[in-house]
């Protein structure tokens, strides 16, 4: 463990976060074929009433995350949406080897401070939790075994 730029860093922690960010980014991007909304719409249109009820529950548990993405904070006298912070941060995490793709986040973090990264990471973790839940819902729809990673359905976050 070490401290880097005021952050406590442990061996491999950044790699684990980057690994999480790839599927989270794909599930979040509206134009991606595996966008959560698209997947949910596909499943709901073809599912039994039981699966449709699970999908409705999923939507209710995702709504607070969407509300948080739509909300904004004022940092250094600038109003910035949480979605804007999240999108800049997740692109920087996924494309960490590309200075051009990282630049919007780095500029935002320089201007607005470390809160940007904290808000974005929090949102990424919440989206990842819902993504695991959606994976189980799709498995149920397909008649395949669930992922058994935690108990996301009963998670209130």
Protein backbone atom coordinates (compact mmCIF):
# COMPACT_ATOMS: atom_id res chain seq x y z
CA UNK A 1 0.00 0.00 0.00
CA UNK A 2 1.24 3.53 -0.79
CA UNK A 3 -0.04 7.08 -1.03
CA UNK A 4 -0.07 8.63 -4.51
CA UNK A 5 -1.28 12.21 -5.00
CA UNK A 6 -3.19 12.05 -1.73
CA UNK A 7 -4.84 8.69 -2.50
CA UNK A 8 -4.19 5.41 -0.75
CA UNK A 9 -3.32 2.88 -3.44
CA UNK A 10 -2.93 -0.86 -3.03
CA UNK A 11 -1.26 -3.27 -5.44
CA UNK A 12 -3.55 -3.96 -8.40
CA UNK A 13 -6.44 -1.78 -7.18
CA UNK A 14 -6.38 0.47 -10.23
CA UNK A 15 -6.36 -2.56 -12.55
CA UNK A 16 -9.39 -3.99 -10.75
CA UNK A 17 -11.27 -0.72 -11.15
CA UNK A 18 -10.33 -0.54 -14.83
CA UNK A 19 -11.54 -4.12 -15.33
CA UNK A 20 -14.88 -3.18 -13.79
CA UNK A 21 -15.16 -0.08 -15.97
CA UNK A 22 -15.20 -1.85 -19.33
CA UNK A 23 -18.54 -3.66 -18.87
CA UNK A 24 -19.98 -0.73 -16.89
CA UNK A 25 -19.18 1.67 -19.73
CA UNK A 26 -20.74 -0.64 -22.31
CA UNK A 27 -23.87 -1.11 -20.21
CA UNK A 28 -24.14 2.66 -19.71
CA UNK A 29 -23.57 3.88 -23.29
CA UNK A 30 -26.92 4.29 -25.00
CA UNK A 31 -25.57 3.35 -28.46
CA UNK A 32 -23.87 0.13 -27.28
CA UNK A 33 -25.67 -3.14 -28.14
CA UNK A 34 -25.36 -4.28 -24.50
CA UNK A 35 -26.73 -1.05 -23.01
CA UNK A 36 -28.80 -1.94 -19.94
CA UNK A 37 -31.90 -0.23 -21.29
CA UNK A 38 -31.68 -2.06 -24.61
CA UNK A 39 -31.13 -5.42 -22.93
CA UNK A 40 -34.01 -4.83 -20.54
CA UNK A 41 -36.29 -3.75 -23.37
CA UNK A 42 -35.38 -6.85 -25.41
CA UNK A 43 -35.97 -9.21 -22.50
CA UNK A 44 -39.19 -7.51 -21.38
CA UNK A 45 -40.69 -7.70 -24.87
CA UNK A 46 -40.20 -11.48 -24.99
CA UNK A 47 -40.40 -12.59 -21.37
CA UNK A 48 -42.93 -14.33 -19.21
CA UNK A 49 -44.96 -12.30 -16.72
CA UNK A 50 -42.61 -13.47 -13.96
CA UNK A 51 -39.53 -12.15 -15.78
CA UNK A 52 -41.38 -8.93 -16.66
CA UNK A 53 -42.05 -8.43 -12.95
CA UNK A 54 -38.34 -8.92 -12.24
CA UNK A 55 -37.55 -6.40 -14.96
CA UNK A 56 -39.94 -3.88 -13.42
CA UNK A 57 -38.21 -4.36 -10.06
CA UNK A 58 -34.85 -3.86 -11.74
CA UNK A 59 -36.02 -0.60 -13.30
CA UNK A 60 -37.18 0.62 -9.89
CA UNK A 61 -33.77 -0.16 -8.38
CA UNK A 62 -31.93 1.53 -11.27
CA UNK A 63 -34.06 4.71 -11.17
CA UNK A 64 -32.17 6.24 -8.20
CA UNK A 65 -28.89 5.79 -10.08
CA UNK A 66 -30.34 7.54 -13.13
CA UNK A 67 -31.59 10.34 -10.88
CA UNK A 68 -28.10 10.67 -9.43
CA UNK A 69 -26.59 10.79 -12.93
CA UNK A 70 -29.08 13.52 -13.86
CA UNK A 71 -28.26 15.54 -10.75
CA UNK A 72 -25.49 18.13 -10.59
CA UNK A 73 -22.99 19.53 -8.14
CA UNK A 74 -21.39 22.93 -7.97
CA UNK A 75 -17.63 22.53 -7.78
CA UNK A 76 -15.37 25.59 -7.87
CA UNK A 77 -18.38 27.73 -8.88
CA UNK A 78 -19.18 25.49 -11.86
CA UNK A 79 -22.36 23.44 -12.16
CA UNK A 80 -21.52 20.02 -13.56
CA UNK A 81 -23.82 17.04 -13.94
CA UNK A 82 -22.82 13.78 -12.36
CA UNK A 83 -23.29 12.14 -15.78
CA UNK A 84 -20.72 14.52 -17.25
CA UNK A 85 -18.24 13.61 -14.50
CA UNK A 86 -18.98 9.90 -14.84
CA UNK A 87 -18.60 9.87 -18.63
CA UNK A 88 -15.29 11.73 -18.58
CA UNK A 89 -13.94 9.52 -15.78
CA UNK A 90 -15.04 6.18 -17.24
CA UNK A 91 -13.54 7.03 -20.63
CA UNK A 92 -10.27 7.90 -18.89
CA UNK A 93 -10.36 4.58 -17.00
CA UNK A 94 -11.17 2.43 -20.05
CA UNK A 95 -8.83 4.27 -22.42
CA UNK A 96 -6.07 4.90 -19.88
CA UNK A 97 -3.35 4.40 -22.53
CA UNK A 98 -4.80 7.10 -24.79
CA UNK A 99 -3.85 10.63 -23.65
CA UNK A 100 -6.46 12.20 -25.95
CA UNK A 101 -9.31 10.14 -24.42
CA UNK A 102 -8.03 10.85 -20.88
CA UNK A 103 -7.71 14.60 -21.41
CA UNK A 104 -11.36 15.61 -20.74
CA UNK A 105 -11.28 13.90 -17.34
CA UNK A 106 -7.83 15.23 -16.45
CA UNK A 107 -8.90 18.78 -17.31
CA UNK A 108 -12.12 18.39 -15.34
CA UNK A 109 -10.28 16.98 -12.32
CA UNK A 110 -7.71 19.80 -12.47
CA UNK A 111 -10.47 22.40 -12.58
CA UNK A 112 -12.97 20.85 -10.16
CA UNK A 113 -10.88 18.73 -7.80
CA UNK A 114 -10.86 15.18 -6.52
CA UNK A 115 -14.61 15.14 -5.89
CA UNK A 116 -15.08 14.38 -9.60
CA UNK A 117 -13.33 11.03 -9.26
CA UNK A 118 -15.15 10.17 -6.04
CA UNK A 119 -18.58 10.85 -7.53
CA UNK A 120 -17.74 8.97 -10.73
CA UNK A 121 -16.35 5.92 -8.93
CA UNK A 122 -19.40 5.79 -6.67
CA UNK A 123 -21.69 5.81 -9.72
CA UNK A 124 -19.60 3.14 -11.48
CA UNK A 125 -19.87 0.85 -8.45
CA UNK A 126 -23.65 1.34 -8.26
CA UNK A 127 -24.04 0.65 -11.99
CA UNK A 128 -21.84 -2.46 -11.63
CA UNK A 129 -24.14 -3.75 -8.86
CA UNK A 130 -27.17 -3.32 -11.10
CA UNK A 131 -25.28 -4.90 -13.99
CA UNK A 132 -24.76 -8.05 -11.91
CA UNK A 133 -28.45 -8.03 -11.13
CA UNK A 134 -29.30 -7.63 -14.82
CA UNK A 135 -26.99 -10.53 -15.63
CA UNK A 136 -29.03 -12.71 -13.27
CA UNK A 137 -32.28 -11.49 -14.82
CA UNK A 138 -31.04 -12.36 -18.33
CA UNK A 139 -29.85 -15.77 -17.08
CA UNK A 140 -33.33 -16.39 -15.68
CA UNK A 141 -34.83 -15.33 -19.02
CA UNK A 142 -32.53 -17.70 -20.91
CA UNK A 143 -32.97 -20.54 -18.42
CA UNK A 144 -29.27 -20.50 -17.52
CA UNK A 145 -27.65 -20.55 -14.08
CA UNK A 146 -27.37 -17.21 -12.30
CA UNK A 147 -23.97 -15.65 -11.67
CA UNK A 148 -24.29 -16.07 -7.88
CA UNK A 149 -22.16 -12.98 -7.33
CA UNK A 150 -23.66 -11.40 -4.22
CA UNK A 151 -27.33 -10.84 -3.62
CA UNK A 152 -27.90 -7.82 -5.84
CA UNK A 153 -31.69 -8.27 -5.96
CA UNK A 154 -31.97 -7.55 -2.25
CA UNK A 155 -29.35 -4.80 -2.25
CA UNK A 156 -31.02 -1.49 -1.51
CA UNK A 157 -28.29 0.68 -3.06
